Amino acid sequence: MSTTTTWTVSGMTCGHCEASVREEVGEIAGVESVTADHATGEVVVTSTEPLQRDAVAAAVAEAGYELA
């Protein structure tokens, strides 16, 4: 059973920002899909199990942004 979680990311301003966040978050074990919207700051992650906030925050930070 998949879990879908919406996170808020600050600092995204364009499509390139979205792609960076999608790429880094997508590398977390168990992640099935990631969408990002810089206009709303929302990142929606579908995974095989609930993700730890610290793991998502670290991936977002690696992309150069901050989990709100």
N, C-alpha and C. Protein backbone atom coordinates (compact mmCIF):
# COMPACT_ATOMS: atom_id res chain seq x y z
N MET A 1 0.83 -1.18 0.00
CA MET A 1 0.00 0.00 0.00
C MET A 1 0.88 1.25 0.00
N SER A 2 0.62 2.16 -0.90
CA SER A 2 1.40 3.39 -1.00
C SER A 2 0.89 4.46 -0.05
N THR A 3 1.81 5.35 0.31
CA THR A 3 1.49 6.49 1.16
C THR A 3 1.81 7.74 0.39
N THR A 4 0.90 8.72 0.39
CA THR A 4 1.15 10.00 -0.27
C THR A 4 1.18 11.10 0.79
N THR A 5 2.26 11.88 0.78
CA THR A 5 2.45 12.96 1.75
C THR A 5 2.77 14.24 1.00
N THR A 6 2.19 15.34 1.46
CA THR A 6 2.50 16.65 0.89
C THR A 6 3.39 17.41 1.86
N TRP A 7 4.49 17.90 1.34
CA TRP A 7 5.45 18.67 2.13
C TRP A 7 5.51 20.09 1.56
N THR A 8 5.90 21.05 2.36
CA THR A 8 6.08 22.41 1.88
C THR A 8 7.57 22.73 1.87
N VAL A 9 8.03 23.22 0.72
CA VAL A 9 9.44 23.55 0.53
C VAL A 9 9.56 25.04 0.23
N SER A 10 10.44 25.71 0.93
CA SER A 10 10.63 27.15 0.67
C SER A 10 11.84 27.36 -0.21
N GLY A 11 11.75 28.38 -1.05
CA GLY A 11 12.87 28.77 -1.89
C GLY A 11 12.78 28.38 -3.35
N MET A 12 11.84 27.53 -3.72
CA MET A 12 11.71 27.17 -5.14
C MET A 12 11.09 28.33 -5.91
N THR A 13 11.71 28.69 -7.04
CA THR A 13 11.22 29.83 -7.81
C THR A 13 10.97 29.53 -9.28
N CYS A 14 11.32 28.31 -9.74
CA CYS A 14 11.19 28.02 -11.17
C CYS A 14 11.14 26.52 -11.41
N GLY A 15 10.99 26.15 -12.66
CA GLY A 15 10.95 24.75 -13.05
C GLY A 15 12.24 24.01 -12.73
N HIS A 16 13.37 24.69 -12.83
CA HIS A 16 14.65 24.06 -12.51
C HIS A 16 14.69 23.70 -11.03
N CYS A 17 14.16 24.57 -10.20
CA CYS A 17 14.08 24.29 -8.76
C CYS A 17 13.25 23.03 -8.52
N GLU A 18 12.11 22.96 -9.18
CA GLU A 18 11.23 21.79 -9.05
C GLU A 18 11.97 20.52 -9.43
N ALA A 19 12.69 20.57 -10.55
CA ALA A 19 13.42 19.39 -11.04
C ALA A 19 14.49 18.96 -10.05
N SER A 20 15.18 19.91 -9.45
CA SER A 20 16.23 19.58 -8.47
C SER A 20 15.64 18.88 -7.26
N VAL A 21 14.53 19.40 -6.77
CA VAL A 21 13.87 18.79 -5.61
C VAL A 21 13.34 17.41 -5.97
N ARG A 22 12.69 17.28 -7.13
CA ARG A 22 12.18 15.97 -7.56
C ARG A 22 13.30 14.94 -7.64
N GLU A 23 14.43 15.34 -8.19
CA GLU A 23 15.55 14.41 -8.35
C GLU A 23 16.08 13.94 -7.01
N GLU A 24 16.34 14.86 -6.09
CA GLU A 24 16.90 14.48 -4.79
C GLU A 24 15.93 13.68 -3.95
N VAL A 25 14.68 14.12 -3.87
CA VAL A 25 13.69 13.39 -3.08
C VAL A 25 13.41 12.02 -3.70
N GLY A 26 13.45 11.96 -5.02
CA GLY A 26 13.21 10.71 -5.72
C GLY A 26 14.25 9.64 -5.43
N GLU A 27 15.41 10.03 -4.91
CA GLU A 27 16.47 9.07 -4.59
C GLU A 27 16.28 8.42 -3.22
N ILE A 28 15.33 8.89 -2.43
CA ILE A 28 15.08 8.28 -1.12
C ILE A 28 14.49 6.89 -1.34
N ALA A 29 14.99 5.92 -0.60
CA ALA A 29 14.50 4.54 -0.73
C ALA A 29 13.00 4.49 -0.48
N GLY A 30 12.29 3.81 -1.38
CA GLY A 30 10.86 3.63 -1.23
C GLY A 30 10.02 4.66 -1.96
N VAL A 31 10.63 5.73 -2.47
CA VAL A 31 9.86 6.76 -3.17
C VAL A 31 9.46 6.24 -4.54
N GLU A 32 8.17 6.35 -4.82
CA GLU A 32 7.62 5.89 -6.11
C GLU A 32 7.45 7.04 -7.09
N SER A 33 7.02 8.23 -6.59
CA SER A 33 6.86 9.39 -7.45
C SER A 33 6.95 10.66 -6.64
N VAL A 34 7.34 11.74 -7.33
CA VAL A 34 7.48 13.05 -6.69
C VAL A 34 6.98 14.10 -7.67
N THR A 35 6.12 15.00 -7.19
CA THR A 35 5.76 16.18 -7.97
C THR A 35 6.11 17.40 -7.13
N ALA A 36 6.47 18.48 -7.80
CA ALA A 36 6.82 19.71 -7.11
C ALA A 36 6.21 20.89 -7.85
N ASP A 37 5.76 21.88 -7.11
CA ASP A 37 5.15 23.08 -7.70
C ASP A 37 5.75 24.30 -7.02
N HIS A 38 6.58 25.05 -7.76
CA HIS A 38 7.25 26.20 -7.15
C HIS A 38 6.26 27.31 -6.77
N ALA A 39 5.14 27.41 -7.47
CA ALA A 39 4.16 28.46 -7.18
C ALA A 39 3.54 28.29 -5.80
N THR A 40 3.29 27.05 -5.42
CA THR A 40 2.68 26.79 -4.11
C THR A 40 3.69 26.33 -3.07
N GLY A 41 4.85 25.89 -3.53
CA GLY A 41 5.86 25.34 -2.63
C GLY A 41 5.57 23.91 -2.23
N GLU A 42 4.56 23.31 -2.83
CA GLU A 42 4.17 21.94 -2.45
C GLU A 42 4.97 20.89 -3.19
N VAL A 43 5.39 19.89 -2.43
CA VAL A 43 6.05 18.72 -2.98
C VAL A 43 5.23 17.52 -2.51
N VAL A 44 4.70 16.76 -3.45
CA VAL A 44 3.86 15.61 -3.14
C VAL A 44 4.67 14.35 -3.43
N VAL A 45 4.81 13.52 -2.40
CA VAL A 45 5.63 12.32 -2.51
C VAL A 45 4.78 11.08 -2.26
N THR A 46 4.84 10.15 -3.19
CA THR A 46 4.19 8.86 -3.01
C THR A 46 5.30 7.84 -2.77
N SER A 47 5.15 7.07 -1.68
CA SER A 47 6.19 6.12 -1.30
C SER A 47 5.56 4.81 -0.83
N THR A 48 6.38 3.79 -0.77
CA THR A 48 5.89 2.48 -0.36
C THR A 48 5.58 2.43 1.13
N GLU A 49 6.15 3.35 1.90
CA GLU A 49 5.89 3.45 3.34
C GLU A 49 6.09 4.91 3.75
N PRO A 50 5.57 5.31 4.90
CA PRO A 50 5.75 6.70 5.33
C PRO A 50 7.23 7.07 5.43
N LEU A 51 7.57 8.26 4.98
CA LEU A 51 8.96 8.72 5.01
C LEU A 51 9.24 9.51 6.28
N GLN A 52 10.47 9.41 6.73
CA GLN A 52 10.90 10.18 7.89
C GLN A 52 11.15 11.62 7.45
N ARG A 53 10.66 12.57 8.25
CA ARG A 53 10.84 13.99 7.93
C ARG A 53 12.32 14.33 7.73
N ASP A 54 13.20 13.76 8.56
CA ASP A 54 14.63 14.05 8.44
C ASP A 54 15.19 13.65 7.08
N ALA A 55 14.73 12.53 6.55
CA ALA A 55 15.21 12.06 5.25
C ALA A 55 14.77 13.01 4.14
N VAL A 56 13.52 13.45 4.21
CA VAL A 56 13.01 14.38 3.20
C VAL A 56 13.72 15.73 3.34
N ALA A 57 13.89 16.20 4.57
CA ALA A 57 14.57 17.48 4.80
C ALA A 57 16.00 17.45 4.27
N ALA A 58 16.69 16.34 4.47
CA ALA A 58 18.07 16.21 3.98
C ALA A 58 18.12 16.22 2.46
N ALA A 59 17.17 15.54 1.81
CA ALA A 59 17.14 15.51 0.34
C ALA A 59 16.83 16.90 -0.21
N VAL A 60 15.88 17.58 0.41
CA VAL A 60 15.51 18.94 -0.02
C VAL A 60 16.71 19.88 0.18
N ALA A 61 17.42 19.74 1.29
CA ALA A 61 18.60 20.57 1.55
C ALA A 61 19.69 20.30 0.52
N GLU A 62 19.85 19.04 0.12
CA GLU A 62 20.83 18.67 -0.90
C GLU A 62 20.52 19.38 -2.22
N ALA A 63 19.24 19.59 -2.49
CA ALA A 63 18.82 20.30 -3.70
C ALA A 63 19.00 21.81 -3.57
N GLY A 64 19.24 22.27 -2.32
CA GLY A 64 19.49 23.70 -2.11
C GLY A 64 18.29 24.45 -1.55
N TYR A 65 17.33 23.74 -0.98
CA TYR A 65 16.11 24.37 -0.47
C TYR A 65 15.84 23.91 0.95
N GLU A 66 14.77 24.42 1.53
CA GLU A 66 14.47 24.11 2.92
C GLU A 66 13.06 23.58 3.08
N LEU A 67 12.94 22.51 3.85
CA LEU A 67 11.62 21.97 4.18
C LEU A 67 11.00 22.87 5.23
N ALA A 68 9.80 23.38 4.93
CA ALA A 68 9.16 24.32 5.85
C ALA A 68 8.48 23.58 6.98
